[in-house]
Every structure is written in C-alpha cells, then in structure tokens.
C-alpha atoms as a PDB file:
ATOM      1  CA  UNK A   1      83.890  40.640  23.143  1.00  0.00           C
ATOM      2  CA  UNK A   2      80.638  39.515  24.350  1.00  0.00           C
ATOM      3  CA  UNK A   3      78.427  37.307  22.169  1.00  0.00           C
ATOM      4  CA  UNK A   4      74.867  38.333  22.212  1.00  0.00           C
ATOM      5  CA  UNK A   5      72.557  35.485  22.981  1.00  0.00           C
ATOM      6  CA  UNK A   6      69.800  34.810  20.462  1.00  0.00           C
ATOM      7  CA  UNK A   7      66.265  35.223  21.588  1.00  0.00           C
ATOM      8  CA  UNK A   8      64.514  31.879  21.982  1.00  0.00           C
ATOM      9  CA  UNK A   9      62.147  31.045  19.136  1.00  0.00           C
ATOM     10  CA  UNK A  10      58.668  29.661  19.712  1.00  0.00           C
ATOM     11  CA  UNK A  11      56.574  27.680  17.239  1.00  0.00           C
ATOM     12  CA  UNK A  12      53.746  29.665  15.789  1.00  0.00           C
ATOM     13  CA  UNK A  13      50.369  28.342  16.806  1.00  0.00           C
ATOM     14  CA  UNK A  14      46.971  29.052  15.284  1.00  0.00           C
ATOM     15  CA  UNK A  15      44.546  30.638  17.635  1.00  0.00           C
ATOM     16  CA  UNK A  16      41.550  28.518  18.637  1.00  0.00           C
ATOM     17  CA  UNK A  17      38.641  29.081  16.300  1.00  0.00           C
ATOM     18  CA  UNK A  18      36.065  31.422  17.665  1.00  0.00           C
ATOM     19  CA  UNK A  19      32.984  29.784  19.200  1.00  0.00           C
ATOM     20  CA  UNK A  20      30.771  31.458  16.601  1.00  0.00           C
ATOM     21  CA  UNK A  21      32.807  29.816  13.839  1.00  0.00           C
ATOM     22  CA  UNK A  22      32.430  26.381  15.408  1.00  0.00           C
ATOM     23  CA  UNK A  23      28.646  26.791  15.724  1.00  0.00           C
ATOM     24  CA  UNK A  24      28.521  27.971  12.129  1.00  0.00           C
ATOM     25  CA  UNK A  25      30.170  24.742  10.977  1.00  0.00           C
ATOM     26  CA  UNK A  26      27.769  22.657  13.051  1.00  0.00           C
ATOM     27  CA  UNK A  27      24.774  24.533  11.627  1.00  0.00           C
ATOM     28  CA  UNK A  28      26.080  24.065   8.071  1.00  0.00           C
ATOM     29  CA  UNK A  29      26.500  20.322   8.578  1.00  0.00           C
ATOM     30  CA  UNK A  30      23.034  20.031  10.139  1.00  0.00           C
ATOM     31  CA  UNK A  31      21.432  21.929   7.257  1.00  0.00           C
ATOM     32  CA  UNK A  32      23.240  19.747   4.733  1.00  0.00           C
ATOM     33  CA  UNK A  33      21.962  16.582   6.424  1.00  0.00           C
ATOM     34  CA  UNK A  34      18.407  17.924   6.479  1.00  0.00           C
ATOM     35  CA  UNK A  35      18.601  18.686   2.774  1.00  0.00           C
ATOM     36  CA  UNK A  36      19.848  15.163   2.052  1.00  0.00           C
ATOM     37  CA  UNK A  37      17.033  13.629   4.140  1.00  0.00           C
ATOM     38  CA  UNK A  38      14.441  15.803   2.372  1.00  0.00           C
ATOM     39  CA  UNK A  39      15.726  14.932  -1.095  1.00  0.00           C
ATOM     40  CA  UNK A  40      15.856  11.191  -0.350  1.00  0.00           C
ATOM     41  CA  UNK A  41      12.370  11.261   1.213  1.00  0.00           C
ATOM     42  CA  UNK A  42      10.949  13.168  -1.748  1.00  0.00           C
ATOM     43  CA  UNK A  43      12.567  10.750  -4.199  1.00  0.00           C
ATOM     44  CA  UNK A  44      11.165   7.731  -2.335  1.00  0.00           C
ATOM     45  CA  UNK A  45       7.686   9.243  -2.283  1.00  0.00           C
ATOM     46  CA  UNK A  46       7.727  10.060  -5.993  1.00  0.00           C
ATOM     47  CA  UNK A  47       9.084   6.598  -6.728  1.00  0.00           C
ATOM     48  CA  UNK A  48       6.287   4.955  -4.682  1.00  0.00           C
ATOM     49  CA  UNK A  49       3.586   7.007  -6.405  1.00  0.00           C
ATOM     50  CA  UNK A  50       5.063   6.228  -9.812  1.00  0.00           C
ATOM     51  CA  UNK A  51       5.149   2.548  -8.876  1.00  0.00           C
ATOM     52  CA  UNK A  52       1.443   2.650  -7.984  1.00  0.00           C
ATOM     53  CA  UNK A  53       0.547   4.406 -11.229  1.00  0.00           C
ATOM     54  CA  UNK A  54       2.565   1.836 -13.157  1.00  0.00           C
ATOM     55  CA  UNK A  55       0.704  -0.930 -11.331  1.00  0.00           C
ATOM     56  CA  UNK A  56      -2.676   0.258 -12.618  1.00  0.00           C
ATOM     57  CA  UNK A  57      -1.257   0.758 -16.096  1.00  0.00           C
ATOM     58  CA  UNK A  58       0.052  -2.809 -16.124  1.00  0.00           C
ATOM     59  CA  UNK A  59      -3.365  -4.140 -15.097  1.00  0.00           C
ATOM     60  CA  UNK A  60      -4.975  -2.174 -17.940  1.00  0.00           C
ATOM     61  CA  UNK A  61      -2.439  -3.709 -20.339  1.00  0.00           C
ATOM     62  CA  UNK A  62      -3.359  -7.198 -19.017  1.00  0.00           C
ATOM     63  CA  UNK A  63       0.189  -7.765 -17.725  1.00  0.00           C
ATOM     64  CA  UNK A  64      -1.091  -8.985 -14.333  1.00  0.00           C
ATOM     65  CA  UNK A  65       1.539  -7.447 -12.027  1.00  0.00           C
ATOM     66  CA  UNK A  66       2.219  -8.882  -8.579  1.00  0.00           C
ATOM     67  CA  UNK A  67      -0.148  -7.504  -5.943  1.00  0.00           C
ATOM     68  CA  UNK A  68       1.362  -5.416  -3.129  1.00  0.00           C
ATOM     69  CA  UNK A  69       1.190  -7.015   0.317  1.00  0.00           C
ATOM     70  CA  UNK A  70      -1.955  -6.250   2.306  1.00  0.00           C
ATOM     71  CA  UNK A  71      -1.824  -4.575   5.716  1.00  0.00           C
ATOM     72  CA  UNK A  72      -2.942  -6.790   8.594  1.00  0.00           C
ATOM     73  CA  UNK A  73      -4.326  -4.189  10.990  1.00  0.00           C
ATOM     74  CA  UNK A  74      -8.015  -4.870  11.636  1.00  0.00           C
ATOM     75  CA  UNK A  75     -10.206  -1.948  12.635  1.00  0.00           C
ATOM     76  CA  UNK A  76     -13.517  -3.381  13.784  1.00  0.00           C
ATOM     77  CA  UNK A  77     -12.446  -5.229  16.918  1.00  0.00           C
ATOM     78  CA  UNK A  78     -15.881  -6.788  17.321  1.00  0.00           C
ATOM     79  CA  UNK A  79     -15.333 -10.301  16.038  1.00  0.00           C
ATOM     80  CA  UNK A  80     -15.277  -9.460  12.329  1.00  0.00           C
ATOM     81  CA  UNK A  81     -12.821 -11.653  10.402  1.00  0.00           C
ATOM     82  CA  UNK A  82      -9.317 -10.483   9.629  1.00  0.00           C
ATOM     83  CA  UNK A  83      -7.258 -11.714   6.695  1.00  0.00           C
ATOM     84  CA  UNK A  84      -7.724 -15.437   6.035  1.00  0.00           C
ATOM     85  CA  UNK A  85      -5.338 -17.961   7.537  1.00  0.00           C
ATOM     86  CA  UNK A  86      -3.970 -18.897   4.133  1.00  0.00           C
ATOM     87  CA  UNK A  87      -2.925 -15.343   3.284  1.00  0.00           C
ATOM     88  CA  UNK A  88       0.837 -14.822   3.066  1.00  0.00           C
ATOM     89  CA  UNK A  89       3.073 -11.943   1.998  1.00  0.00           C
ATOM     90  CA  UNK A  90       6.543 -12.261   0.497  1.00  0.00           C
ATOM     91  CA  UNK A  91       8.318  -9.016   1.365  1.00  0.00           C
ATOM     92  CA  UNK A  92       6.320  -6.161  -0.160  1.00  0.00           C
ATOM     93  CA  UNK A  93       4.259  -8.460  -2.420  1.00  0.00           C
ATOM     94  CA  UNK A  94       1.556 -11.017  -1.917  1.00  0.00           C
ATOM     95  CA  UNK A  95       2.960 -14.535  -1.933  1.00  0.00           C
ATOM     96  CA  UNK A  96       2.133 -16.598  -5.018  1.00  0.00           C
ATOM     97  CA  UNK A  97       0.636 -20.085  -5.163  1.00  0.00           C
ATOM     98  CA  UNK A  98      -0.283 -20.317  -1.482  1.00  0.00           C
ATOM     99  CA  UNK A  99      -2.079 -23.542  -0.558  1.00  0.00           C
ATOM    100  CA  UNK A 100      -5.788 -22.932  -0.079  1.00  0.00           C
ATOM    101  CA  UNK A 101      -5.688 -19.472  -1.655  1.00  0.00           C
ATOM    102  CA  UNK A 102      -8.837 -17.920  -3.096  1.00  0.00           C
ATOM    103  CA  UNK A 103      -9.260 -14.993  -5.480  1.00  0.00           C
ATOM    104  CA  UNK A 104      -9.480 -11.713  -3.559  1.00  0.00           C
ATOM    105  CA  UNK A 105     -11.784  -8.750  -4.061  1.00  0.00           C
ATOM    106  CA  UNK A 106      -9.925  -5.781  -2.585  1.00  0.00           C
ATOM    107  CA  UNK A 107     -12.159  -2.740  -2.160  1.00  0.00           C
ATOM    108  CA  UNK A 108     -10.718   0.637  -1.109  1.00  0.00           C
ATOM    109  CA  UNK A 109     -13.221   2.819   0.716  1.00  0.00           C
ATOM    110  CA  UNK A 110     -13.706   5.653   3.220  1.00  0.00           C
ATOM    111  CA  UNK A 111     -16.600   6.353   5.568  1.00  0.00           C
ATOM    112  CA  UNK A 112     -17.091   9.886   4.187  1.00  0.00           C
ATOM    113  CA  UNK A 113     -17.177   8.709   0.564  1.00  0.00           C
ATOM    114  CA  UNK A 114     -20.714   8.987  -0.897  1.00  0.00           C
ATOM    115  CA  UNK A 115     -20.123   6.444  -3.729  1.00  0.00           C
ATOM    116  CA  UNK A 116     -18.798   4.027  -1.077  1.00  0.00           C
ATOM    117  CA  UNK A 117     -22.156   4.265   0.710  1.00  0.00           C
ATOM    118  CA  UNK A 118     -23.978   3.394  -2.535  1.00  0.00           C
ATOM    119  CA  UNK A 119     -21.535   0.564  -3.222  1.00  0.00           C
ATOM    120  CA  UNK A 120     -21.743  -1.073   0.230  1.00  0.00           C
ATOM    121  CA  UNK A 121     -24.986  -3.044  -0.329  1.00  0.00           C
ATOM    122  CA  UNK A 122     -23.646  -4.299  -3.683  1.00  0.00           C
ATOM    123  CA  UNK A 123     -20.490  -5.615  -2.025  1.00  0.00           C
ATOM    124  CA  UNK A 124     -22.554  -7.175   0.739  1.00  0.00           C
ATOM    125  CA  UNK A 125     -24.864  -8.984  -1.715  1.00  0.00           C
ATOM    126  CA  UNK A 126     -22.033 -10.247  -3.942  1.00  0.00           C
ATOM    127  CA  UNK A 127     -20.092 -11.352  -0.859  1.00  0.00           C
ATOM    128  CA  UNK A 128     -23.085 -13.401   0.340  1.00  0.00           C
ATOM    129  CA  UNK A 129     -23.144 -15.270  -2.991  1.00  0.00           C
ATOM    130  CA  UNK A 130     -19.379 -15.792  -3.418  1.00  0.00           C
ATOM    131  CA  UNK A 131     -18.002 -15.989   0.127  1.00  0.00           C
ATOM    132  CA  UNK A 132     -17.290 -19.736  -0.091  1.00  0.00           C
ATOM    133  CA  UNK A 133     -15.114 -19.258  -3.199  1.00  0.00           C
ATOM    134  CA  UNK A 134     -13.781 -15.694  -2.983  1.00  0.00           C
ATOM    135  CA  UNK A 135     -12.175 -13.666  -0.174  1.00  0.00           C
ATOM    136  CA  UNK A 136     -13.428 -10.101   0.205  1.00  0.00           C
ATOM    137  CA  UNK A 137     -11.208  -7.495   1.881  1.00  0.00           C
ATOM    138  CA  UNK A 138     -12.228  -3.914   2.591  1.00  0.00           C
ATOM    139  CA  UNK A 139      -9.276  -1.502   2.732  1.00  0.00           C
ATOM    140  CA  UNK A 140     -10.162   1.578   4.773  1.00  0.00           C
ATOM    141  CA  UNK A 141      -8.531   4.874   3.755  1.00  0.00           C
ATOM    142  CA  UNK A 142      -6.416   4.920   6.915  1.00  0.00           C
ATOM    143  CA  UNK A 143      -5.195   8.348   8.004  1.00  0.00           C
ATOM    144  CA  UNK A 144      -7.688   9.928   5.610  1.00  0.00           C
ATOM    145  CA  UNK A 145     -10.536   8.479   7.671  1.00  0.00           C
ATOM    146  CA  UNK A 146     -11.330   8.556  11.390  1.00  0.00           C
ATOM    147  CA  UNK A 147     -11.133   5.039  12.784  1.00  0.00           C
ATOM    148  CA  UNK A 148     -14.296   5.548  14.826  1.00  0.00           C
ATOM    149  CA  UNK A 149     -16.181   6.605  11.670  1.00  0.00           C
ATOM    150  CA  UNK A 150     -14.801   3.577   9.826  1.00  0.00           C
ATOM    151  CA  UNK A 151     -16.047   1.275  12.609  1.00  0.00           C
ATOM    152  CA  UNK A 152     -19.498   2.841  12.439  1.00  0.00           C
ATOM    153  CA  UNK A 153     -19.559   2.466   8.649  1.00  0.00           C
ATOM    154  CA  UNK A 154     -18.802  -1.255   8.886  1.00  0.00           C
ATOM    155  CA  UNK A 155     -21.536  -1.800  11.496  1.00  0.00           C
ATOM    156  CA  UNK A 156     -24.128   0.378   9.751  1.00  0.00           C
ATOM    157  CA  UNK A 157     -23.716  -1.395   6.418  1.00  0.00           C
ATOM    158  CA  UNK A 158     -23.384  -4.855   8.008  1.00  0.00           C
ATOM    159  CA  UNK A 159     -20.125  -5.697   6.252  1.00  0.00           C
ATOM    160  CA  UNK A 160     -19.072  -9.153   7.403  1.00  0.00           C
ATOM    161  CA  UNK A 161     -15.928  -9.595   5.339  1.00  0.00           C
ATOM    162  CA  UNK A 162     -12.360  -8.729   6.316  1.00  0.00           C
ATOM    163  CA  UNK A 163     -11.710  -5.039   6.995  1.00  0.00           C
ATOM    164  CA  UNK A 164      -8.149  -3.701   7.306  1.00  0.00           C
ATOM    165  CA  UNK A 165      -6.763  -0.187   7.657  1.00  0.00           C
ATOM    166  CA  UNK A 166      -4.372   1.229   5.068  1.00  0.00           C
ATOM    167  CA  UNK A 167      -1.367   3.489   5.557  1.00  0.00           C
ATOM    168  CA  UNK A 168      -0.077   6.283   3.314  1.00  0.00           C
ATOM    169  CA  UNK A 169       2.512   3.915   1.860  1.00  0.00           C
ATOM    170  CA  UNK A 170      -0.254   1.415   0.990  1.00  0.00           C
ATOM    171  CA  UNK A 171      -2.057   4.075  -1.039  1.00  0.00           C
ATOM    172  CA  UNK A 172       1.147   4.905  -2.894  1.00  0.00           C
ATOM    173  CA  UNK A 173       1.940   1.235  -3.550  1.00  0.00           C
ATOM    174  CA  UNK A 174      -1.513   0.608  -5.010  1.00  0.00           C
ATOM    175  CA  UNK A 175      -1.773   3.952  -6.791  1.00  0.00           C
ATOM    176  CA  UNK A 176      -5.015   4.740  -4.943  1.00  0.00           C
ATOM    177  CA  UNK A 177      -5.771   8.350  -4.025  1.00  0.00           C
ATOM    178  CA  UNK A 178      -9.544   8.466  -4.604  1.00  0.00           C
ATOM    179  CA  UNK A 179     -12.330   6.234  -3.355  1.00  0.00           C
ATOM    180  CA  UNK A 180     -13.784   3.760  -3.994  1.00  0.00           C
ATOM    181  CA  UNK A 181     -11.545   1.537  -6.119  1.00  0.00           C
ATOM    182  CA  UNK A 182     -11.661  -2.234  -6.479  1.00  0.00           C
ATOM    183  CA  UNK A 183      -9.011  -4.783  -7.472  1.00  0.00           C
ATOM    184  CA  UNK A 184      -9.304  -8.487  -8.308  1.00  0.00           C
ATOM    185  CA  UNK A 185      -6.317 -10.598  -7.196  1.00  0.00           C
ATOM    186  CA  UNK A 186      -5.856 -14.125  -8.540  1.00  0.00           C
ATOM    187  CA  UNK A 187      -4.785 -17.121  -6.493  1.00  0.00           C
ATOM    188  CA  UNK A 188      -1.284 -16.657  -7.918  1.00  0.00           C
ATOM    189  CA  UNK A 189      -0.972 -13.300  -6.101  1.00  0.00           C
ATOM    190  CA  UNK A 190      -1.278 -11.257  -9.312  1.00  0.00           C
ATOM    191  CA  UNK A 191      -3.726  -8.521 -10.219  1.00  0.00           C
ATOM    192  CA  UNK A 192      -6.338  -9.408 -12.818  1.00  0.00           C
ATOM    193  CA  UNK A 193      -8.615  -6.364 -12.829  1.00  0.00           C
ATOM    194  CA  UNK A 194      -9.021  -2.815 -11.554  1.00  0.00           C
ATOM    195  CA  UNK A 195     -12.292  -0.899 -11.301  1.00  0.00           C
ATOM    196  CA  UNK A 196     -12.003   2.848 -10.566  1.00  0.00           C
ATOM    197  CA  UNK A 197     -15.056   4.313  -8.881  1.00  0.00           C
ATOM    198  CA  UNK A 198     -18.052   2.421  -7.523  1.00  0.00           C
ATOM    199  CA  UNK A 199     -18.313  -1.125  -8.823  1.00  0.00           C
ATOM    200  CA  UNK A 200     -21.496  -2.354 -10.519  1.00  0.00           C
ATOM    201  CA  UNK A 201     -23.181  -5.578  -9.359  1.00  0.00           C
ATOM    202  CA  UNK A 202     -23.134  -7.236 -12.795  1.00  0.00           C
ATOM    203  CA  UNK A 203     -19.602  -6.060 -13.513  1.00  0.00           C
ATOM    204  CA  UNK A 204     -18.227  -7.462 -10.264  1.00  0.00           C
ATOM    205  CA  UNK A 205     -19.968 -10.791 -10.720  1.00  0.00           C
ATOM    206  CA  UNK A 206     -18.658 -11.064 -14.282  1.00  0.00           C
ATOM    207  CA  UNK A 207     -15.092 -10.349 -13.145  1.00  0.00           C
ATOM    208  CA  UNK A 208     -15.323 -12.953 -10.392  1.00  0.00           C
ATOM    209  CA  UNK A 209     -16.847 -15.598 -12.677  1.00  0.00           C
ATOM    210  CA  UNK A 210     -14.021 -15.039 -15.169  1.00  0.00           C
ATOM    211  CA  UNK A 211     -11.381 -15.274 -12.444  1.00  0.00           C
ATOM    212  CA  UNK A 212     -12.881 -18.413 -10.938  1.00  0.00           C
ATOM    213  CA  UNK A 213     -12.979 -20.026 -14.387  1.00  0.00           C
ATOM    214  CA  UNK A 214      -9.261 -19.394 -14.956  1.00  0.00           C
ATOM    215  CA  UNK A 215      -6.600 -21.885 -13.944  1.00  0.00           C
ATOM    216  CA  UNK A 216      -3.918 -19.817 -12.184  1.00  0.00           C
ATOM    217  CA  UNK A 217      -1.816 -22.857 -11.317  1.00  0.00           C
ATOM    218  CA  UNK A 218      -0.193 -22.698 -14.747  1.00  0.00           C
ATOM    219  CA  UNK A 219       2.249 -20.111 -16.138  1.00  0.00           C
ATOM    220  CA  UNK A 220       0.555 -17.080 -17.687  1.00  0.00           C
ATOM    221  CA  UNK A 221       1.586 -18.112 -21.212  1.00  0.00           C
ATOM    222  CA  UNK A 222      -0.354 -21.386 -20.954  1.00  0.00           C
ATOM    223  CA  UNK A 223      -3.268 -20.240 -18.798  1.00  0.00           C
ATOM    224  CA  UNK A 224      -6.543 -21.769 -19.951  1.00  0.00           C
ATOM    225  CA  UNK A 225     -10.144 -21.314 -18.958  1.00  0.00           C
ATOM    226  CA  UNK A 226     -12.291 -24.139 -17.783  1.00  0.00           C
ATOM    227  CA  UNK A 227     -15.487 -24.976 -19.623  1.00  0.00           C
ATOM    228  CA  UNK A 228     -18.331 -22.828 -18.461  1.00  0.00           C
END
C-alpha cells in the first residue's frame, strides 16, 4: 500500500501594493502636511494681528505695554542716521532701562500716503526742536512701499532722523495697517501714546513735553512728574 505524499505547503504572501496605491498614500500624507502648515500659519497670523490690536487698546487704557522691537534695516543709504547706539531689543520687545535711552517718536509712513506728505514738515520742525532730547524714527511701510520711492520721499522732505523699513510681521506686531500712525515710547521701553492719522504740531509737542517731564526710572505705580 503506497502512502500518498502530501503536497508541500507554502506560506501565503500578500501581493505588493500597486504603484498607484503607494502614490495615493504619499499624496494623502503631503496634503495632510500642507493643511497643517496652512492652519498653523493662519493661526499665527491671526494671533499676531490680535496682539497688535491689543497693543493699541492697552495704550488707550493707559496700561503702557512693552513696545515691540524695532527693525534695524535702514533704507536711505546716504549717510542718514540709523537707530541710536543706545537702542537695544530684548527678544521681540524693546529693552527697558537702557543707559542713555531717550523717549522715541515712532512714525509709520508710506511714500504714497497723502496725509504723510502733509505731516512730513511737522515732523521735521518738531525734530529740529527736540532732537537733543528725543529720538525720532520713521518706519516705512516696507513691502507696501517701493524702496526707491521711500528713498525719494526722505530726500524730498529733508528728513534727517532715523528711517527704517518695516516687514509684514512688524505691522502685525504694532497693529498698524493704515498710514500714518505715531507712537511715543518712554525710556523704559513702554508705549505712552498712540496717534492714529496725521499728527498735529501742538499735539505732538504736548505729548513729548509730558513724556520728558515723567520719571520713567521708577515703577509705574510710583511714577511722578517733575515740576514744570
């Protein structure tokens, strides 16, 4: 009696996935990553804009928030001064209590802005009277303004104070989306005033006189004003 031999058994194996299936998985992963990047970017942008809006609201409420750090990119390139030697930033904020610090007038402007044209001689005249006690900084609109036009604006209006060029993130940090706007920064690196629109000569002088008369070396709760 012959014993029939059993047929050899082989382990079942899954066929290799089709190339189209593999590419489908890759495409799905890529799309998922793009969605994540978009959502994170959108959240960061909204958060920055909200932060800038909150900044202006805090100034209006006299809470004197810390001033965002200033950009250092000069645009004139013809011997005009950049930021002063004493200026320092601490991360994303202006450093507080820097030796030799002066109050800062920060004016946001653009070469195509009609109110900025009207405001330029006012800034120039006030600068001439306060330049030994106050630092003036012009913040150009950045990618919303051609750099060549910004250079011409500075020369045409004979602006001799510091001129720097903003980025999109600077506008978000400061809550600035229209021009002009002016901020007053104390020697403690905190914001004392905000003027939307073109600044008036008397208004600017009054704000600077008040800031210069205030002792910022003391905590806000004990800040006093010097005798006039």
